[in-house]
């Protein structure tokens, strides 16, 4: 029997991007798998982007949330009750190449690739340029460079965790593929306990992939097919909130994976040092808007910080490592 696939799309004010994304799924050719469900979870959009989507041949389910539940929780909401072999978490601001789903599913379903728990595909921008989207697992030094603004002042020396030195033209095992297209074995997803819903948005995919690595599931980047991705997407609409959630997720990730001392140092640097480096950078660029957004984001963060530390800075139980050897051989 052919494997089955459920696709989860979390939508928040994505405008026409969602319609284009669904159209690209409909125009794909699932010759070697069954497309069981396409689930759109709408996080209280106000732009009508999740309305009038039913005129499609897709096996579409739409979930309308009365409030924005965040990306991780909405992904789990869409995946709940799935019986498919594979789950695809897809951003609404992506447009798939016609063969993207088939190529990725055939790659994952090869018997010799059974140890691969997750894969992503090549992403391109509006000029059809390959986006260097894969990254390493973040370390305290990556966040320290951001806190001190060193990644802005000396980008060649203090580059971020993204694998910018690699042109993303070949298939290989990586730490992290972007959550814009994240194909996951359902058995792996369920064994990992799904996305950690303490991450409202940002780093929830990195956290899942880190837990997967610890459980001996490998992750691959597949360069033989692609999708268009509008980087930034709908998060560009709320820049202060975007910065807030990025900082919150960083602090949570640190306490979950770095140990108490390193995480506390990261938290203090984020709260006590980084506001000034961000404001200095905005002043140097003469961006009053960026300065305002920085003030707003840090004001919200300081209000939330006590609750964040008390309720969230406690490690969630990690999955037990399996006996599966990490990095099974691949064919693709």
Protein backbone atom coordinates (compact mmCIF):
# COMPACT_ATOMS: atom_id res chain seq x y z
CA UNK A 1 0.00 0.00 0.00
CA UNK A 2 1.11 3.54 -0.70
CA UNK A 3 2.03 5.65 2.34
CA UNK A 4 -0.38 8.36 3.48
CA UNK A 5 0.25 12.02 4.22
CA UNK A 6 -1.49 14.67 6.29
CA UNK A 7 -0.53 18.31 5.69
CA UNK A 8 -0.88 20.88 8.46
CA UNK A 9 -0.87 24.61 7.63
CA UNK A 10 -1.04 27.18 10.43
CA UNK A 11 -2.49 30.43 9.13
CA UNK A 12 -2.42 33.92 10.58
CA UNK A 13 -3.31 36.79 8.25
CA UNK A 14 -1.38 35.30 5.32
CA UNK A 15 -3.62 36.88 2.69
CA UNK A 16 -3.44 35.34 -0.76
CA UNK A 17 -0.37 33.29 0.15
CA UNK A 18 -2.57 30.63 1.73
CA UNK A 19 -4.67 30.29 -1.42
CA UNK A 20 -1.54 29.97 -3.57
CA UNK A 21 -0.13 27.37 -1.17
CA UNK A 22 -3.31 25.27 -1.39
CA UNK A 23 -3.36 25.62 -5.16
CA UNK A 24 0.19 24.29 -5.35
CA UNK A 25 -0.80 21.27 -3.24
CA UNK A 26 -3.79 20.64 -5.49
CA UNK A 27 -1.60 20.80 -8.60
CA UNK A 28 0.92 18.32 -7.19
CA UNK A 29 0.85 14.77 -8.47
CA UNK A 30 0.58 12.27 -5.58
CA UNK A 31 1.19 9.17 -7.70
CA UNK A 32 3.04 7.20 -5.03
CA UNK A 33 1.21 8.26 -1.87
CA UNK A 34 -2.25 9.06 -0.56
CA UNK A 35 -3.01 12.62 0.46
CA UNK A 36 -5.30 11.86 3.38
CA UNK A 37 -5.94 15.33 4.84
CA UNK A 38 -5.00 18.96 4.44
CA UNK A 39 -5.70 20.77 7.70
CA UNK A 40 -5.67 24.56 7.87
CA UNK A 41 -5.57 25.81 11.45
CA UNK A 42 -6.45 29.49 11.45
CA UNK A 43 -5.16 31.41 14.45
CA UNK A 44 -7.86 34.10 14.61
CA UNK A 45 -6.95 35.83 11.36
CA UNK A 46 -8.60 39.19 10.75
CA UNK A 47 -7.93 39.42 7.00
CA UNK A 48 -10.38 36.75 5.85
CA UNK A 49 -7.58 34.59 4.46
CA UNK A 50 -9.12 31.40 5.87
CA UNK A 51 -12.60 32.10 4.49
CA UNK A 52 -14.08 30.65 1.32
CA UNK A 53 -11.45 27.96 0.90
CA UNK A 54 -13.86 25.07 0.45
CA UNK A 55 -13.99 25.32 -3.36
CA UNK A 56 -11.15 22.86 -3.80
CA UNK A 57 -10.73 19.20 -4.62
CA UNK A 58 -8.37 18.79 -1.67
CA UNK A 59 -9.45 16.73 1.37
CA UNK A 60 -9.58 19.99 3.31
CA UNK A 61 -10.39 20.55 6.97
CA UNK A 62 -10.44 24.08 8.39
CA UNK A 63 -10.12 24.76 12.12
CA UNK A 64 -10.98 28.30 13.20
CA UNK A 65 -9.42 29.30 16.52
CA UNK A 66 -11.11 32.13 18.40
CA UNK A 67 -7.70 33.40 19.53
CA UNK A 68 -4.13 33.05 18.36
CA UNK A 69 -2.88 29.89 20.06
CA UNK A 70 0.63 30.13 18.68
CA UNK A 71 2.38 28.04 16.06
CA UNK A 72 3.39 25.02 18.13
CA UNK A 73 -0.03 24.53 19.70
CA UNK A 74 -1.81 24.99 16.36
CA UNK A 75 0.49 22.44 14.69
CA UNK A 76 -0.34 19.92 17.41
CA UNK A 77 -4.01 20.78 17.05
CA UNK A 78 -3.91 20.02 13.33
CA UNK A 79 -1.96 16.78 13.78
CA UNK A 80 -4.18 15.45 16.56
CA UNK A 81 -5.91 12.22 15.63
CA UNK A 82 -3.86 11.70 12.47
CA UNK A 83 -3.55 8.15 11.18
CA UNK A 84 -1.28 9.04 8.27
CA UNK A 85 2.23 7.64 7.94
CA UNK A 86 3.70 11.11 7.50
CA UNK A 87 2.93 14.62 8.67
CA UNK A 88 3.95 17.70 6.70
CA UNK A 89 4.06 21.02 8.56
CA UNK A 90 3.89 23.63 5.81
CA UNK A 91 3.93 27.41 6.01
CA UNK A 92 1.12 29.23 4.18
CA UNK A 93 3.68 31.48 2.46
CA UNK A 94 5.17 28.55 0.52
CA UNK A 95 4.35 27.44 -3.02
CA UNK A 96 5.34 23.87 -3.85
CA UNK A 97 6.92 22.68 -7.06
CA UNK A 98 4.66 20.15 -8.78
CA UNK A 99 6.83 17.17 -7.84
CA UNK A 100 7.81 18.35 -4.35
CA UNK A 101 5.45 16.15 -2.34
CA UNK A 102 6.10 13.01 -4.37
CA UNK A 103 9.88 13.44 -4.30
CA UNK A 104 9.99 14.03 -0.55
CA UNK A 105 7.60 11.18 0.25
CA UNK A 106 9.45 8.68 -1.96
CA UNK A 107 12.74 9.70 -0.32
CA UNK A 108 11.39 9.19 3.19
CA UNK A 109 9.62 5.92 2.40
CA UNK A 110 12.65 4.07 1.03
CA UNK A 111 13.41 1.14 3.38
CA UNK A 112 17.05 2.20 3.76
CA UNK A 113 15.91 5.61 4.98
CA UNK A 114 13.80 4.30 7.85
CA UNK A 115 16.07 5.97 10.41
CA UNK A 116 15.38 9.41 8.95
CA UNK A 117 12.68 11.00 11.06
CA UNK A 118 12.41 14.37 9.34
CA UNK A 119 13.35 16.04 6.11
CA UNK A 120 13.10 19.43 4.46
CA UNK A 121 13.50 20.53 0.86
CA UNK A 122 15.28 23.27 -1.05
CA UNK A 123 13.64 26.69 -0.72
CA UNK A 124 13.95 29.57 -3.18
CA UNK A 125 13.08 33.25 -2.96
CA UNK A 126 11.20 35.53 -5.37
CA UNK A 127 14.25 35.74 -7.66
CA UNK A 128 14.51 31.92 -7.69
CA UNK A 129 17.69 32.06 -5.62
CA UNK A 130 18.33 29.19 -3.24
CA UNK A 131 17.79 30.19 0.39
CA UNK A 132 20.48 28.86 2.72
CA UNK A 133 17.94 27.71 5.25
CA UNK A 134 19.58 24.80 7.08
CA UNK A 135 21.32 25.43 10.37
CA UNK A 136 23.22 23.91 13.22
CA UNK A 137 21.71 23.46 16.63
CA UNK A 138 22.15 26.78 18.45
CA UNK A 139 24.76 27.05 21.16
CA UNK A 140 25.14 29.72 23.85
CA UNK A 141 27.83 31.39 21.74
CA UNK A 142 25.37 31.97 18.89
CA UNK A 143 22.98 33.80 21.17
CA UNK A 144 25.83 35.65 22.89
CA UNK A 145 26.92 37.10 19.55
CA UNK A 146 23.36 38.32 18.97
CA UNK A 147 23.13 39.76 22.47
CA UNK A 148 26.32 41.79 22.03
CA UNK A 149 25.53 42.73 18.44
CA UNK A 150 28.72 41.06 17.21
CA UNK A 151 26.88 39.28 14.42
CA UNK A 152 25.93 42.70 13.02
CA UNK A 153 29.32 44.35 13.47
CA UNK A 154 31.44 41.40 12.30
CA UNK A 155 29.13 39.15 10.26
CA UNK A 156 31.98 37.19 8.65
CA UNK A 157 33.50 36.26 11.99
CA UNK A 158 30.44 35.96 14.19
CA UNK A 159 28.03 34.37 11.74
CA UNK A 160 24.85 32.92 13.09
CA UNK A 161 23.87 29.27 13.29
CA UNK A 162 22.71 29.16 9.66
CA UNK A 163 24.92 27.14 7.32
CA UNK A 164 25.69 30.08 5.04
CA UNK A 165 29.04 28.61 3.96
CA UNK A 166 27.23 25.79 2.08
CA UNK A 167 25.32 26.50 -1.13
CA UNK A 168 22.50 24.00 -0.35
CA UNK A 169 22.86 22.30 -3.72
CA UNK A 170 23.25 18.72 -2.47
CA UNK A 171 21.29 16.36 -0.24
CA UNK A 172 22.86 15.78 3.17
CA UNK A 173 22.19 15.15 6.83
CA UNK A 174 21.86 18.36 8.84
CA UNK A 175 20.91 19.42 12.33
CA UNK A 176 17.98 21.67 11.42
CA UNK A 177 15.78 22.20 8.38
CA UNK A 178 13.40 25.12 8.36
CA UNK A 179 9.91 24.63 9.68
CA UNK A 180 8.51 26.16 6.49
CA UNK A 181 8.51 22.61 5.04
CA UNK A 182 9.02 19.95 7.68
CA UNK A 183 8.09 16.39 6.73
CA UNK A 184 7.96 14.10 9.76
CA UNK A 185 7.24 10.43 10.34
CA UNK A 186 4.13 10.30 12.48
CA UNK A 187 5.60 7.60 14.72
CA UNK A 188 8.61 9.84 15.37
CA UNK A 189 6.43 12.89 16.02
CA UNK A 190 4.25 11.03 18.51
CA UNK A 191 7.22 9.40 20.25
CA UNK A 192 8.74 12.85 20.79
CA UNK A 193 5.56 14.18 22.38
CA UNK A 194 4.77 16.55 19.48
CA UNK A 195 5.81 20.23 19.55
CA UNK A 196 6.52 21.76 22.94
CA UNK A 197 3.64 24.22 23.25
CA UNK A 198 5.59 26.49 25.59
CA UNK A 199 7.17 27.89 22.41
CA UNK A 200 4.48 30.24 21.11
CA UNK A 201 6.45 30.73 17.89
CA UNK A 202 10.15 30.45 16.94
CA UNK A 203 12.52 27.62 17.89
CA UNK A 204 9.70 25.10 18.30
CA UNK A 205 10.98 23.30 15.19
CA UNK A 206 14.60 23.47 16.36
CA UNK A 207 13.55 22.10 19.75
CA UNK A 208 11.68 19.19 18.12
CA UNK A 209 14.65 18.35 15.90
CA UNK A 210 17.04 18.51 18.85
CA UNK A 211 14.85 16.09 20.78
CA UNK A 212 14.71 13.90 17.67
CA UNK A 213 18.50 13.81 17.45
CA UNK A 214 18.69 12.79 21.09
CA UNK A 215 16.25 9.97 20.32
CA UNK A 216 18.46 8.86 17.38
CA UNK A 217 16.21 10.10 14.58
CA UNK A 218 18.22 11.82 11.85
CA UNK A 219 17.19 14.82 9.74
CA UNK A 220 17.95 15.37 6.06
CA UNK A 221 17.89 18.27 3.65
CA UNK A 222 16.64 17.18 0.22
CA UNK A 223 18.04 19.22 -2.68
CA UNK A 224 16.26 17.35 -5.48
CA UNK A 225 13.02 19.33 -5.23
CA UNK A 226 12.03 22.78 -4.08
CA UNK A 227 9.41 25.26 -2.99
CA UNK A 228 9.13 29.03 -3.10
CA UNK A 229 9.14 30.61 0.35
CA UNK A 230 8.47 34.22 1.22
CA UNK A 231 10.93 34.76 4.07
CA UNK A 232 9.47 36.66 7.01
CA UNK A 233 5.94 35.94 5.81
CA UNK A 234 3.06 37.14 7.88
CA UNK A 235 5.28 37.78 10.93
CA UNK A 236 6.39 41.01 9.21
CA UNK A 237 3.01 42.44 10.20
CA UNK A 238 3.80 42.56 13.94
CA UNK A 239 7.49 43.31 14.35
CA UNK A 240 7.45 44.18 18.07
CA UNK A 241 5.52 41.00 18.87
CA UNK A 242 7.85 39.03 16.60
CA UNK A 243 10.87 40.27 18.58
CA UNK A 244 9.13 39.49 21.87
CA UNK A 245 8.38 35.90 20.87
CA UNK A 246 11.90 35.43 19.51
CA UNK A 247 13.40 36.55 22.83
CA UNK A 248 10.96 34.46 24.87
CA UNK A 249 11.73 31.35 22.83
CA UNK A 250 15.46 31.94 23.17
CA UNK A 251 15.21 32.10 26.96
CA UNK A 252 13.03 29.01 27.08
CA UNK A 253 15.35 27.09 24.75
CA UNK A 254 18.32 28.02 26.91
CA UNK A 255 16.74 26.75 30.12
CA UNK A 256 15.61 23.60 28.39
CA UNK A 257 18.89 22.65 26.71
CA UNK A 258 21.88 24.66 27.99
CA UNK A 259 21.89 24.01 31.72
CA UNK A 260 21.00 26.46 34.47
CA UNK A 261 24.21 28.52 34.58
CA UNK A 262 24.50 29.09 30.83
CA UNK A 263 20.76 29.67 30.49
CA UNK A 264 20.73 32.24 33.30
CA UNK A 265 23.68 34.05 31.75
CA UNK A 266 21.84 34.05 28.42
CA UNK A 267 18.68 35.38 30.05
CA UNK A 268 20.53 38.19 31.85
CA UNK A 269 22.38 39.17 28.69
CA UNK A 270 19.11 39.18 26.75
CA UNK A 271 17.39 41.39 29.30
CA UNK A 272 20.20 43.65 30.54
CA UNK A 273 22.56 44.02 27.55
CA UNK A 274 20.79 43.35 24.29
CA UNK A 275 18.21 46.17 24.52
CA UNK A 276 21.06 48.69 24.39
CA UNK A 277 22.89 47.01 21.50
CA UNK A 278 19.63 46.86 19.53
CA UNK A 279 18.85 50.51 20.27
CA UNK A 280 22.38 51.55 19.31
CA UNK A 281 22.08 49.64 16.04
CA UNK A 282 18.70 51.25 15.30
CA UNK A 283 20.10 54.70 16.11
CA UNK A 284 23.07 54.13 13.82
CA UNK A 285 20.64 53.18 11.05
CA UNK A 286 18.46 56.21 11.96
CA UNK A 287 15.44 53.92 12.25
CA UNK A 288 12.95 55.46 14.66
CA UNK A 289 10.53 52.65 13.89
CA UNK A 290 13.03 49.98 14.91
CA UNK A 291 13.78 51.84 18.15
CA UNK A 292 10.07 52.02 18.95
CA UNK A 293 9.60 48.32 18.23
CA UNK A 294 12.57 47.47 20.48
CA UNK A 295 11.12 49.49 23.36
CA UNK A 296 7.73 47.84 22.90
CA UNK A 297 9.15 44.31 22.71
CA UNK A 298 11.31 44.68 25.81
CA UNK A 299 8.51 46.30 27.80
CA UNK A 300 6.34 43.26 27.03
CA UNK A 301 9.20 40.87 27.81
CA UNK A 302 9.88 42.43 31.22
CA UNK A 303 6.20 42.12 32.12
CA UNK A 304 6.18 38.47 31.12
CA UNK A 305 9.60 37.45 32.44
CA UNK A 306 8.63 36.41 36.02
CA UNK A 307 5.86 34.14 34.77
CA UNK A 308 8.10 32.83 31.99
CA UNK A 309 10.80 31.81 34.46
CA UNK A 310 8.42 30.39 37.05
CA UNK A 311 6.19 28.41 34.70
CA UNK A 312 8.29 27.62 31.66
CA UNK A 313 11.99 27.47 32.53
CA UNK A 314 11.66 23.86 33.65
CA UNK A 315 12.85 21.10 31.32
CA UNK A 316 10.15 18.98 29.78
CA UNK A 317 10.92 15.29 29.94
CA UNK A 318 12.92 14.30 26.89
CA UNK A 319 12.25 11.10 24.96
CA UNK A 320 14.42 8.11 25.74
CA UNK A 321 17.07 7.43 23.10
CA UNK A 322 16.22 4.48 20.90
CA UNK A 323 18.57 1.72 19.85
CA UNK A 324 18.37 2.92 16.24
CA UNK A 325 21.80 3.92 14.86
CA UNK A 326 21.88 7.62 14.02
CA UNK A 327 22.27 8.58 10.39
CA UNK A 328 20.97 5.61 8.43
CA UNK A 329 22.16 5.37 4.84
CA UNK A 330 20.12 7.30 2.28
CA UNK A 331 19.07 7.02 -1.29
CA UNK A 332 17.49 9.95 -3.05
